[in-house]
Each structure stands twice: as structure tokens, then as C-alpha cells.
Amino acid sequence: MFYELYFYFPKSEIIPTPEPFVGAINYNGKIFYVYVSREDNRDLIMYLKWKENRFSERIIVITESTEHVNPLMIHAQDMKLRTKTDQELMARDGGIYFHEEGKFVKEG
């Protein structure tokens, strides 16, 4: 799924990241950390919990459903968190979701 997301960032650089992220994309000088969610987000929740107030990077979560990302919002309220579903990535459907007023809203 990571490489399907990479399609949306032409001429970008892939960079390694610490766990629980699968990698990051450096696009126009902005780094987007990528996490793949499969219902259980405990590893990312723990990472954000211990890095709270010190991790302010952009995160893109690839998930089967945006509902799987809701438990993350306790620790990611002030972060630049975006999400994209597996189905949309495979269909190369444009747009990405961002969190606003307690729900995910599709950009564009």
C-alpha cells in the first residue's frame, strides 16, 4: 500500500523511519510519515502517547476504513493527520481525508 500512496507524490524521496511507521515521503521539503492501519493501532497509539508534544510531523494513515483511525485521535488532535483508504488507493481515487470537528472529511 505504501507504494500505491507514493503514486500521489511524484518526484518525491522515500526515507526510512522508526517503527511503527512503514516509511516516509519527502515531498517538496515536507516529510509525511506513513502508517498502515489494520484495525489494531496500539503500536502507533503508544508511540504518540510517549512522544506527545514532541511529535509534530505530518502523518498519513493508510487504512481499510477511516473508523479504524478514530482511536488515534486522542493523541493526534493537534497533529497534521490525514488518511487514505486501501480501496481508494487501489482505484487511484483522488482526495485524502483530514480530521475536522470529530470526523474525517474528504479534501477536494
PDB file of N, CA and C in Angstrom:
ATOM      1  N   MET A   1       0.813  -1.193   0.000  1.00  0.00           N
ATOM      2  CA  MET A   1       0.000   0.000   0.000  1.00  0.00           C
ATOM      3  C   MET A   1       0.864   1.267   0.000  1.00  0.00           C
ATOM      4  N   PHE A   2       2.018   1.181   0.632  1.00  0.00           N
ATOM      5  CA  PHE A   2       2.903   2.350   0.693  1.00  0.00           C
ATOM      6  C   PHE A   2       3.230   2.854  -0.708  1.00  0.00           C
ATOM      7  N   TYR A   3       3.533   1.932  -1.616  1.00  0.00           N
ATOM      8  CA  TYR A   3       3.918   2.335  -2.965  1.00  0.00           C
ATOM      9  C   TYR A   3       2.728   2.832  -3.778  1.00  0.00           C
ATOM     10  N   GLU A   4       1.534   2.381  -3.441  1.00  0.00           N
ATOM     11  CA  GLU A   4       0.342   2.943  -4.080  1.00  0.00           C
ATOM     12  C   GLU A   4       0.177   4.404  -3.655  1.00  0.00           C
ATOM     13  N   LEU A   5       0.475   4.708  -2.408  1.00  0.00           N
ATOM     14  CA  LEU A   5       0.407   6.091  -1.921  1.00  0.00           C
ATOM     15  C   LEU A   5       1.484   6.947  -2.583  1.00  0.00           C
ATOM     16  N   TYR A   6       2.635   6.356  -2.800  1.00  0.00           N
ATOM     17  CA  TYR A   6       3.756   7.064  -3.412  1.00  0.00           C
ATOM     18  C   TYR A   6       3.377   7.648  -4.778  1.00  0.00           C
ATOM     19  N   PHE A   7       2.444   6.998  -5.471  1.00  0.00           N
ATOM     20  CA  PHE A   7       1.949   7.475  -6.768  1.00  0.00           C
ATOM     21  C   PHE A   7       1.461   8.924  -6.679  1.00  0.00           C
ATOM     22  N   TYR A   8       0.905   9.321  -5.539  1.00  0.00           N
ATOM     23  CA  TYR A   8       0.344  10.660  -5.360  1.00  0.00           C
ATOM     24  C   TYR A   8       1.410  11.725  -5.116  1.00  0.00           C
ATOM     25  N   PHE A   9       2.646  11.300  -4.968  1.00  0.00           N
ATOM     26  CA  PHE A   9       3.746  12.221  -4.669  1.00  0.00           C
ATOM     27  C   PHE A   9       4.860  12.070  -5.706  1.00  0.00           C
ATOM     28  N   PRO A  10       4.620  12.543  -6.929  1.00  0.00           N
ATOM     29  CA  PRO A  10       5.641  12.375  -7.974  1.00  0.00           C
ATOM     30  C   PRO A  10       6.930  13.121  -7.640  1.00  0.00           C
ATOM     31  N   LYS A  11       8.028  12.530  -8.058  1.00  0.00           N
ATOM     32  CA  LYS A  11       9.357  13.114  -7.849  1.00  0.00           C
ATOM     33  C   LYS A  11       9.662  13.368  -6.376  1.00  0.00           C
ATOM     34  N   SER A  12       9.162  12.494  -5.520  1.00  0.00           N
ATOM     35  CA  SER A  12       9.456  12.607  -4.091  1.00  0.00           C
ATOM     36  C   SER A  12      10.505  11.578  -3.697  1.00  0.00           C
ATOM     37  N   GLU A  13      10.989  11.710  -2.485  1.00  0.00           N
ATOM     38  CA  GLU A  13      12.031  10.821  -1.965  1.00  0.00           C
ATOM     39  C   GLU A  13      11.447   9.960  -0.855  1.00  0.00           C
ATOM     40  N   ILE A  14      11.727   8.664  -0.887  1.00  0.00           N
ATOM     41  CA  ILE A  14      11.319   7.764   0.191  1.00  0.00           C
ATOM     42  C   ILE A  14      12.438   7.734   1.215  1.00  0.00           C
ATOM     43  N   ILE A  15      12.070   7.907   2.481  1.00  0.00           N
ATOM     44  CA  ILE A  15      13.080   7.892   3.542  1.00  0.00           C
ATOM     45  C   ILE A  15      12.676   6.894   4.631  1.00  0.00           C
ATOM     46  N   PRO A  16      13.656   6.289   5.279  1.00  0.00           N
ATOM     47  CA  PRO A  16      13.358   5.325   6.353  1.00  0.00           C
ATOM     48  C   PRO A  16      12.845   6.035   7.606  1.00  0.00           C
ATOM     49  N   THR A  17      12.087   5.296   8.395  1.00  0.00           N
ATOM     50  CA  THR A  17      11.505   5.839   9.619  1.00  0.00           C
ATOM     51  C   THR A  17      11.587   4.808  10.734  1.00  0.00           C
ATOM     52  N   PRO A  18      11.419   5.267  11.973  1.00  0.00           N
ATOM     53  CA  PRO A  18      11.349   4.301  13.075  1.00  0.00           C
ATOM     54  C   PRO A  18       9.992   3.601  13.061  1.00  0.00           C
ATOM     55  N   GLU A  19       9.938   2.438  13.703  1.00  0.00           N
ATOM     56  CA  GLU A  19       8.637   1.788  13.879  1.00  0.00           C
ATOM     57  C   GLU A  19       7.785   2.683  14.756  1.00  0.00           C
ATOM     58  N   PRO A  20       6.523   2.753  14.555  1.00  0.00           N
ATOM     59  CA  PRO A  20       5.651   1.852  13.822  1.00  0.00           C
ATOM     60  C   PRO A  20       5.376   2.276  12.377  1.00  0.00           C
ATOM     61  N   PHE A  21       6.049   3.278  11.885  1.00  0.00           N
ATOM     62  CA  PHE A  21       5.812   3.749  10.525  1.00  0.00           C
ATOM     63  C   PHE A  21       6.459   2.808   9.511  1.00  0.00           C
ATOM     64  N   VAL A  22       5.862   2.735   8.315  1.00  0.00           N
ATOM     65  CA  VAL A  22       6.418   1.875   7.267  1.00  0.00           C
ATOM     66  C   VAL A  22       7.421   2.628   6.413  1.00  0.00           C
ATOM     67  N   GLY A  23       7.449   3.926   6.524  1.00  0.00           N
ATOM     68  CA  GLY A  23       8.364   4.770   5.770  1.00  0.00           C
ATOM     69  C   GLY A  23       7.846   6.187   5.771  1.00  0.00           C
ATOM     70  N   ALA A  24       8.564   7.049   5.081  1.00  0.00           N
ATOM     71  CA  ALA A  24       8.130   8.439   4.954  1.00  0.00           C
ATOM     72  C   ALA A  24       8.400   8.905   3.536  1.00  0.00           C
ATOM     73  N   ILE A  25       7.668   9.923   3.152  1.00  0.00           N
ATOM     74  CA  ILE A  25       7.820  10.516   1.830  1.00  0.00           C
ATOM     75  C   ILE A  25       8.204  11.972   2.020  1.00  0.00           C
ATOM     76  N   ASN A  26       9.324  12.342   1.417  1.00  0.00           N
ATOM     77  CA  ASN A  26       9.767  13.734   1.436  1.00  0.00           C
ATOM     78  C   ASN A  26       9.301  14.359   0.130  1.00  0.00           C
ATOM     79  N   TYR A  27       8.321  15.230   0.228  1.00  0.00           N
ATOM     80  CA  TYR A  27       7.709  15.834  -0.954  1.00  0.00           C
ATOM     81  C   TYR A  27       7.763  17.350  -0.831  1.00  0.00           C
ATOM     82  N   ASN A  28       8.496  17.969  -1.726  1.00  0.00           N
ATOM     83  CA  ASN A  28       8.656  19.431  -1.711  1.00  0.00           C
ATOM     84  C   ASN A  28       9.144  19.944  -0.357  1.00  0.00           C
ATOM     85  N   GLY A  29      10.053  19.194   0.257  1.00  0.00           N
ATOM     86  CA  GLY A  29      10.628  19.617   1.529  1.00  0.00           C
ATOM     87  C   GLY A  29       9.771  19.325   2.749  1.00  0.00           C
ATOM     88  N   LYS A  30       8.628  18.672   2.556  1.00  0.00           N
ATOM     89  CA  LYS A  30       7.748  18.296   3.669  1.00  0.00           C
ATOM     90  C   LYS A  30       7.791  16.786   3.822  1.00  0.00           C
ATOM     91  N   ILE A  31       7.939  16.346   5.058  1.00  0.00           N
ATOM     92  CA  ILE A  31       8.018  14.909   5.322  1.00  0.00           C
ATOM     93  C   ILE A  31       6.662  14.408   5.805  1.00  0.00           C
ATOM     94  N   PHE A  32       6.178  13.348   5.153  1.00  0.00           N
ATOM     95  CA  PHE A  32       4.922  12.705   5.510  1.00  0.00           C
ATOM     96  C   PHE A  32       5.243  11.302   6.015  1.00  0.00           C
ATOM     97  N   TYR A  33       5.039  11.056   7.311  1.00  0.00           N
ATOM     98  CA  TYR A  33       5.238   9.731   7.879  1.00  0.00           C
ATOM     99  C   TYR A  33       4.029   8.875   7.512  1.00  0.00           C
ATOM    100  N   VAL A  34       4.278   7.630   7.104  1.00  0.00           N
ATOM    101  CA  VAL A  34       3.201   6.755   6.632  1.00  0.00           C
ATOM    102  C   VAL A  34       3.052   5.572   7.592  1.00  0.00           C
ATOM    103  N   TYR A  35       1.811   5.356   8.003  1.00  0.00           N
ATOM    104  CA  TYR A  35       1.462   4.250   8.893  1.00  0.00           C
ATOM    105  C   TYR A  35       0.337   3.462   8.229  1.00  0.00           C
ATOM    106  N   VAL A  36       0.429   2.132   8.273  1.00  0.00           N
ATOM    107  CA  VAL A  36      -0.620   1.279   7.721  1.00  0.00           C
ATOM    108  C   VAL A  36      -1.398   0.680   8.883  1.00  0.00           C
ATOM    109  N   SER A  37      -2.701   0.957   8.906  1.00  0.00           N
ATOM    110  CA  SER A  37      -3.570   0.516   9.997  1.00  0.00           C
ATOM    111  C   SER A  37      -4.417  -0.666   9.567  1.00  0.00           C
ATOM    112  N   ARG A  38      -4.415  -1.693  10.405  1.00  0.00           N
ATOM    113  CA  ARG A  38      -5.270  -2.862  10.191  1.00  0.00           C
ATOM    114  C   ARG A  38      -6.038  -3.135  11.474  1.00  0.00           C
ATOM    115  N   GLU A  39      -6.972  -2.285  11.799  1.00  0.00           N
ATOM    116  CA  GLU A  39      -7.828  -2.336  12.982  1.00  0.00           C
ATOM    117  C   GLU A  39      -7.079  -2.056  14.284  1.00  0.00           C
ATOM    118  N   ASP A  40      -5.964  -2.699  14.520  1.00  0.00           N
ATOM    119  CA  ASP A  40      -5.233  -2.536  15.774  1.00  0.00           C
ATOM    120  C   ASP A  40      -4.149  -1.470  15.608  1.00  0.00           C
ATOM    121  N   ASN A  41      -4.340  -0.348  16.282  1.00  0.00           N
ATOM    122  CA  ASN A  41      -3.408   0.776  16.188  1.00  0.00           C
ATOM    123  C   ASN A  41      -2.584   0.966  17.456  1.00  0.00           C
ATOM    124  N   ARG A  42      -2.549  -0.028  18.308  1.00  0.00           N
ATOM    125  CA  ARG A  42      -1.889   0.143  19.613  1.00  0.00           C
ATOM    126  C   ARG A  42      -0.441   0.586  19.505  1.00  0.00           C
ATOM    127  N   ASP A  43       0.283   0.077  18.493  1.00  0.00           N
ATOM    128  CA  ASP A  43       1.683   0.466  18.382  1.00  0.00           C
ATOM    129  C   ASP A  43       1.830   1.955  18.091  1.00  0.00           C
ATOM    130  N   LEU A  44       0.986   2.499  17.225  1.00  0.00           N
ATOM    131  CA  LEU A  44       1.050   3.931  16.942  1.00  0.00           C
ATOM    132  C   LEU A  44       0.517   4.753  18.113  1.00  0.00           C
ATOM    133  N   ILE A  45      -0.524   4.268  18.764  1.00  0.00           N
ATOM    134  CA  ILE A  45      -1.061   4.973  19.933  1.00  0.00           C
ATOM    135  C   ILE A  45       0.010   5.092  21.015  1.00  0.00           C
ATOM    136  N   MET A  46       0.736   4.015  21.277  1.00  0.00           N
ATOM    137  CA  MET A  46       1.800   4.061  22.282  1.00  0.00           C
ATOM    138  C   MET A  46       2.915   5.004  21.852  1.00  0.00           C
ATOM    139  N   TYR A  47       3.274   4.969  20.575  1.00  0.00           N
ATOM    140  CA  TYR A  47       4.311   5.865  20.058  1.00  0.00           C
ATOM    141  C   TYR A  47       3.903   7.320  20.268  1.00  0.00           C
ATOM    142  N   LEU A  48       2.673   7.651  19.900  1.00  0.00           N
ATOM    143  CA  LEU A  48       2.194   9.028  20.051  1.00  0.00           C
ATOM    144  C   LEU A  48       2.053   9.421  21.518  1.00  0.00           C
ATOM    145  N   LYS A  49       1.644   8.475  22.332  1.00  0.00           N
ATOM    146  CA  LYS A  49       1.496   8.750  23.764  1.00  0.00           C
ATOM    147  C   LYS A  49       2.837   9.154  24.374  1.00  0.00           C
ATOM    148  N   TRP A  50       3.897   8.433  24.043  1.00  0.00           N
ATOM    149  CA  TRP A  50       5.209   8.714  24.623  1.00  0.00           C
ATOM    150  C   TRP A  50       5.910   9.879  23.945  1.00  0.00           C
ATOM    151  N   LYS A  51       5.508  10.208  22.731  1.00  0.00           N
ATOM    152  CA  LYS A  51       6.106  11.342  22.018  1.00  0.00           C
ATOM    153  C   LYS A  51       5.230  12.591  22.097  1.00  0.00           C
ATOM    154  N   GLU A  52       4.161  12.517  22.866  1.00  0.00           N
ATOM    155  CA  GLU A  52       3.192  13.613  22.943  1.00  0.00           C
ATOM    156  C   GLU A  52       3.900  14.951  23.166  1.00  0.00           C
ATOM    157  N   ASN A  53       3.461  15.934  22.417  1.00  0.00           N
ATOM    158  CA  ASN A  53       4.019  17.297  22.444  1.00  0.00           C
ATOM    159  C   ASN A  53       5.419  17.375  21.845  1.00  0.00           C
ATOM    160  N   ARG A  54       5.966  16.265  21.394  1.00  0.00           N
ATOM    161  CA  ARG A  54       7.280  16.281  20.764  1.00  0.00           C
ATOM    162  C   ARG A  54       7.245  15.748  19.345  1.00  0.00           C
ATOM    163  N   PHE A  55       6.121  15.189  18.926  1.00  0.00           N
ATOM    164  CA  PHE A  55       5.996  14.673  17.567  1.00  0.00           C
ATOM    165  C   PHE A  55       4.967  15.534  16.845  1.00  0.00           C
ATOM    166  N   SER A  56       5.437  16.380  15.961  1.00  0.00           N
ATOM    167  CA  SER A  56       4.534  17.309  15.276  1.00  0.00           C
ATOM    168  C   SER A  56       4.605  17.154  13.763  1.00  0.00           C
ATOM    169  N   GLU A  57       5.031  15.994  13.318  1.00  0.00           N
ATOM    170  CA  GLU A  57       5.174  15.754  11.883  1.00  0.00           C
ATOM    171  C   GLU A  57       3.831  15.422  11.239  1.00  0.00           C
ATOM    172  N   ARG A  58       3.813  15.454   9.941  1.00  0.00           N
ATOM    173  CA  ARG A  58       2.624  15.071   9.179  1.00  0.00           C
ATOM    174  C   ARG A  58       2.558  13.539   9.122  1.00  0.00           C
ATOM    175  N   ILE A  59       1.354  13.010   9.340  1.00  0.00           N
ATOM    176  CA  ILE A  59       1.152  11.561   9.299  1.00  0.00           C
ATOM    177  C   ILE A  59       0.046  11.247   8.302  1.00  0.00           C
ATOM    178  N   ILE A  60       0.302  10.249   7.457  1.00  0.00           N
ATOM    179  CA  ILE A  60      -0.738   9.714   6.580  1.00  0.00           C
ATOM    180  C   ILE A  60      -0.975   8.273   7.014  1.00  0.00           C
ATOM    181  N   VAL A  61      -2.218   7.960   7.342  1.00  0.00           N
ATOM    182  CA  VAL A  61      -2.586   6.612   7.746  1.00  0.00           C
ATOM    183  C   VAL A  61      -3.324   5.950   6.590  1.00  0.00           C
ATOM    184  N   ILE A  62      -2.797   4.828   6.146  1.00  0.00           N
ATOM    185  CA  ILE A  62      -3.471   4.011   5.135  1.00  0.00           C
ATOM    186  C   ILE A  62      -4.287   2.979   5.901  1.00  0.00           C
ATOM    187  N   THR A  63      -5.571   2.893   5.621  1.00  0.00           N
ATOM    188  CA  THR A  63      -6.447   2.045   6.415  1.00  0.00           C
ATOM    189  C   THR A  63      -7.555   1.429   5.576  1.00  0.00           C
ATOM    190  N   GLU A  64      -8.149   0.366   6.100  1.00  0.00           N
ATOM    191  CA  GLU A  64      -9.291  -0.250   5.435  1.00  0.00           C
ATOM    192  C   GLU A  64     -10.527   0.629   5.568  1.00  0.00           C
ATOM    193  N   SER A  65     -10.627   1.332   6.697  1.00  0.00           N
ATOM    194  CA  SER A  65     -11.775   2.197   6.975  1.00  0.00           C
ATOM    195  C   SER A  65     -11.322   3.352   7.854  1.00  0.00           C
ATOM    196  N   THR A  66     -11.835   4.535   7.598  1.00  0.00           N
ATOM    197  CA  THR A  66     -11.452   5.683   8.427  1.00  0.00           C
ATOM    198  C   THR A  66     -11.875   5.480   9.886  1.00  0.00           C
ATOM    199  N   GLU A  67     -12.842   4.609  10.135  1.00  0.00           N
ATOM    200  CA  GLU A  67     -13.262   4.322  11.510  1.00  0.00           C
ATOM    201  C   GLU A  67     -12.137   3.704  12.330  1.00  0.00           C
ATOM    202  N   HIS A  68     -11.219   2.991  11.685  1.00  0.00           N
ATOM    203  CA  HIS A  68     -10.101   2.379  12.401  1.00  0.00           C
ATOM    204  C   HIS A  68      -9.141   3.427  12.951  1.00  0.00           C
ATOM    205  N   VAL A  69      -9.212   4.631  12.426  1.00  0.00           N
ATOM    206  CA  VAL A  69      -8.287   5.690  12.830  1.00  0.00           C
ATOM    207  C   VAL A  69      -8.824   6.483  14.022  1.00  0.00           C
ATOM    208  N   ASN A  70     -10.106   6.410  14.291  1.00  0.00           N
ATOM    209  CA  ASN A  70     -10.705   7.200  15.377  1.00  0.00           C
ATOM    210  C   ASN A  70     -10.008   7.045  16.728  1.00  0.00           C
ATOM    211  N   PRO A  71      -9.587   5.834  17.144  1.00  0.00           N
ATOM    212  CA  PRO A  71      -8.898   5.716  18.436  1.00  0.00           C
ATOM    213  C   PRO A  71      -7.594   6.515  18.511  1.00  0.00           C
ATOM    214  N   LEU A  72      -6.999   6.823  17.384  1.00  0.00           N
ATOM    215  CA  LEU A  72      -5.753   7.601  17.366  1.00  0.00           C
ATOM    216  C   LEU A  72      -5.968   9.062  17.729  1.00  0.00           C
ATOM    217  N   MET A  73      -7.163   9.538  17.551  1.00  0.00           N
ATOM    218  CA  MET A  73      -7.414  10.971  17.647  1.00  0.00           C
ATOM    219  C   MET A  73      -7.196  11.543  19.052  1.00  0.00           C
ATOM    220  N   ILE A  74      -7.238  10.709  20.060  1.00  0.00           N
ATOM    221  CA  ILE A  74      -6.968  11.184  21.419  1.00  0.00           C
ATOM    222  C   ILE A  74      -5.549  11.744  21.509  1.00  0.00           C
ATOM    223  N   HIS A  75      -4.621  11.098  20.836  1.00  0.00           N
ATOM    224  CA  HIS A  75      -3.220  11.508  20.901  1.00  0.00           C
ATOM    225  C   HIS A  75      -2.772  12.313  19.688  1.00  0.00           C
ATOM    226  N   ALA A  76      -3.661  12.503  18.729  1.00  0.00           N
ATOM    227  CA  ALA A  76      -3.246  13.172  17.490  1.00  0.00           C
ATOM    228  C   ALA A  76      -4.106  14.398  17.159  1.00  0.00           C
ATOM    229  N   GLN A  77      -4.781  14.936  18.145  1.00  0.00           N
ATOM    230  CA  GLN A  77      -5.696  16.048  17.883  1.00  0.00           C
ATOM    231  C   GLN A  77      -5.004  17.267  17.283  1.00  0.00           C
ATOM    232  N   ASP A  78      -3.804  17.560  17.702  1.00  0.00           N
ATOM    233  CA  ASP A  78      -3.106  18.742  17.218  1.00  0.00           C
ATOM    234  C   ASP A  78      -2.140  18.438  16.072  1.00  0.00           C
ATOM    235  N   MET A  79      -2.160  17.222  15.596  1.00  0.00           N
ATOM    236  CA  MET A  79      -1.241  16.822  14.528  1.00  0.00           C
ATOM    237  C   MET A  79      -1.880  17.008  13.155  1.00  0.00           C
ATOM    238  N   LYS A  80      -1.029  17.001  12.176  1.00  0.00           N
ATOM    239  CA  LYS A  80      -1.485  17.086  10.786  1.00  0.00           C
ATOM    240  C   LYS A  80      -1.695  15.665  10.285  1.00  0.00           C
ATOM    241  N   LEU A  81      -2.819  15.086  10.682  1.00  0.00           N
ATOM    242  CA  LEU A  81      -3.125  13.692  10.369  1.00  0.00           C
ATOM    243  C   LEU A  81      -4.066  13.611   9.176  1.00  0.00           C
ATOM    244  N   ARG A  82      -3.687  12.809   8.222  1.00  0.00           N
ATOM    245  CA  ARG A  82      -4.509  12.550   7.044  1.00  0.00           C
ATOM    246  C   ARG A  82      -4.673  11.041   6.921  1.00  0.00           C
ATOM    247  N   THR A  83      -5.696  10.608   6.204  1.00  0.00           N
ATOM    248  CA  THR A  83      -5.899   9.187   5.993  1.00  0.00           C
ATOM    249  C   THR A  83      -6.392   8.931   4.571  1.00  0.00           C
ATOM    250  N   LYS A  84      -6.092   7.737   4.103  1.00  0.00           N
ATOM    251  CA  LYS A  84      -6.492   7.300   2.761  1.00  0.00           C
ATOM    252  C   LYS A  84      -6.862   5.832   2.881  1.00  0.00           C
ATOM    253  N   THR A  85      -7.973   5.431   2.280  1.00  0.00           N
ATOM    254  CA  THR A  85      -8.385   4.031   2.391  1.00  0.00           C
ATOM    255  C   THR A  85      -7.702   3.164   1.339  1.00  0.00           C
ATOM    256  N   ASP A  86      -7.571   1.888   1.664  1.00  0.00           N
ATOM    257  CA  ASP A  86      -6.987   0.908   0.740  1.00  0.00           C
ATOM    258  C   ASP A  86      -7.714   0.928  -0.597  1.00  0.00           C
ATOM    259  N   GLN A  87      -9.031   0.916  -0.522  1.00  0.00           N
ATOM    260  CA  GLN A  87      -9.848   0.849  -1.728  1.00  0.00           C
ATOM    261  C   GLN A  87      -9.586   2.057  -2.626  1.00  0.00           C
ATOM    262  N   GLU A  88      -9.487   3.235  -2.050  1.00  0.00           N
ATOM    263  CA  GLU A  88      -9.225   4.435  -2.841  1.00  0.00           C
ATOM    264  C   GLU A  88      -7.821   4.422  -3.434  1.00  0.00           C
ATOM    265  N   LEU A  89      -6.866   3.908  -2.682  1.00  0.00           N
ATOM    266  CA  LEU A  89      -5.505   3.814  -3.212  1.00  0.00           C
ATOM    267  C   LEU A  89      -5.449   2.888  -4.424  1.00  0.00           C
ATOM    268  N   MET A  90      -6.090   1.742  -4.315  1.00  0.00           N
ATOM    269  CA  MET A  90      -6.055   0.773  -5.404  1.00  0.00           C
ATOM    270  C   MET A  90      -6.781   1.302  -6.639  1.00  0.00           C
ATOM    271  N   ALA A  91      -7.830   2.096  -6.429  1.00  0.00           N
ATOM    272  CA  ALA A  91      -8.593   2.665  -7.541  1.00  0.00           C
ATOM    273  C   ALA A  91      -7.963   3.962  -8.043  1.00  0.00           C
ATOM    274  N   ARG A  92      -6.918   4.421  -7.325  1.00  0.00           N
ATOM    275  CA  ARG A  92      -6.265   5.700  -7.633  1.00  0.00           C
ATOM    276  C   ARG A  92      -7.277   6.837  -7.636  1.00  0.00           C
ATOM    277  N   ASP A  93      -8.187   6.749  -6.663  1.00  0.00           N
ATOM    278  CA  ASP A  93      -9.210   7.774  -6.462  1.00  0.00           C
ATOM    279  C   ASP A  93      -8.570   8.950  -5.735  1.00  0.00           C
ATOM    280  N   GLY A  94      -8.689  10.103  -6.284  1.00  0.00           N
ATOM    281  CA  GLY A  94      -8.064  11.295  -5.699  1.00  0.00           C
ATOM    282  C   GLY A  94      -8.660  11.661  -4.350  1.00  0.00           C
ATOM    283  N   GLY A  95      -8.035  12.574  -3.706  1.00  0.00           N
ATOM    284  CA  GLY A  95      -8.512  13.056  -2.415  1.00  0.00           C
ATOM    285  C   GLY A  95      -7.942  12.276  -1.260  1.00  0.00           C
ATOM    286  N   ILE A  96      -7.949  12.922  -0.135  1.00  0.00           N
ATOM    287  CA  ILE A  96      -7.431  12.343   1.095  1.00  0.00           C
ATOM    288  C   ILE A  96      -8.282  12.915   2.216  1.00  0.00           C
ATOM    289  N   TYR A  97      -8.428  12.184   3.306  1.00  0.00           N
ATOM    290  CA  TYR A  97      -9.263  12.639   4.404  1.00  0.00           C
ATOM    291  C   TYR A  97      -8.431  13.359   5.458  1.00  0.00           C
ATOM    292  N   PHE A  98      -9.013  14.381   6.061  1.00  0.00           N
ATOM    293  CA  PHE A  98      -8.403  15.047   7.200  1.00  0.00           C
ATOM    294  C   PHE A  98      -9.426  15.092   8.321  1.00  0.00           C
ATOM    295  N   HIS A  99      -8.955  15.251   9.528  1.00  0.00           N
ATOM    296  CA  HIS A  99      -9.822  15.228  10.702  1.00  0.00           C
ATOM    297  C   HIS A  99     -10.305  16.635  11.009  1.00  0.00           C
ATOM    298  N   GLU A 100     -11.631  16.770  11.143  1.00  0.00           N
ATOM    299  CA  GLU A 100     -12.221  18.080  11.433  1.00  0.00           C
ATOM    300  C   GLU A 100     -13.478  17.891  12.268  1.00  0.00           C
ATOM    301  N   GLU A 101     -13.517  18.563  13.396  1.00  0.00           N
ATOM    302  CA  GLU A 101     -14.690  18.550  14.276  1.00  0.00           C
ATOM    303  C   GLU A 101     -15.179  17.138  14.593  1.00  0.00           C
ATOM    304  N   GLY A 102     -14.250  16.258  14.916  1.00  0.00           N
ATOM    305  CA  GLY A 102     -14.592  14.916  15.358  1.00  0.00           C
ATOM    306  C   GLY A 102     -14.890  13.896  14.272  1.00  0.00           C
ATOM    307  N   LYS A 103     -14.690  14.268  13.003  1.00  0.00           N
ATOM    308  CA  LYS A 103     -14.916  13.292  11.946  1.00  0.00           C
ATOM    309  C   LYS A 103     -13.922  13.522  10.813  1.00  0.00           C
ATOM    310  N   PHE A 104     -13.808  12.525   9.949  1.00  0.00           N
ATOM    311  CA  PHE A 104     -12.918  12.644   8.800  1.00  0.00           C
ATOM    312  C   PHE A 104     -13.693  13.191   7.608  1.00  0.00           C
ATOM    313  N   VAL A 105     -13.103  14.195   6.977  1.00  0.00           N
ATOM    314  CA  VAL A 105     -13.712  14.875   5.835  1.00  0.00           C
ATOM    315  C   VAL A 105     -12.775  14.741   4.652  1.00  0.00           C
ATOM    316  N   LYS A 106     -13.324  14.445   3.480  1.00  0.00           N
ATOM    317  CA  LYS A 106     -12.503  14.276   2.291  1.00  0.00           C
ATOM    318  C   LYS A 106     -12.121  15.642   1.711  1.00  0.00           C
ATOM    319  N   GLU A 107     -10.820  15.819   1.459  1.00  0.00           N
ATOM    320  CA  GLU A 107     -10.339  17.040   0.829  1.00  0.00           C
ATOM    321  C   GLU A 107     -10.752  17.057  -0.623  1.00  0.00           C
ATOM    322  N   GLY A 108     -10.877  18.266  -1.136  1.00  0.00           N
ATOM    323  CA  GLY A 108     -11.138  18.459  -2.573  1.00  0.00           C
ATOM    324  C   GLY A 108     -12.410  17.871  -2.950  1.00  0.00           C
TER     325      GLY A 108
END
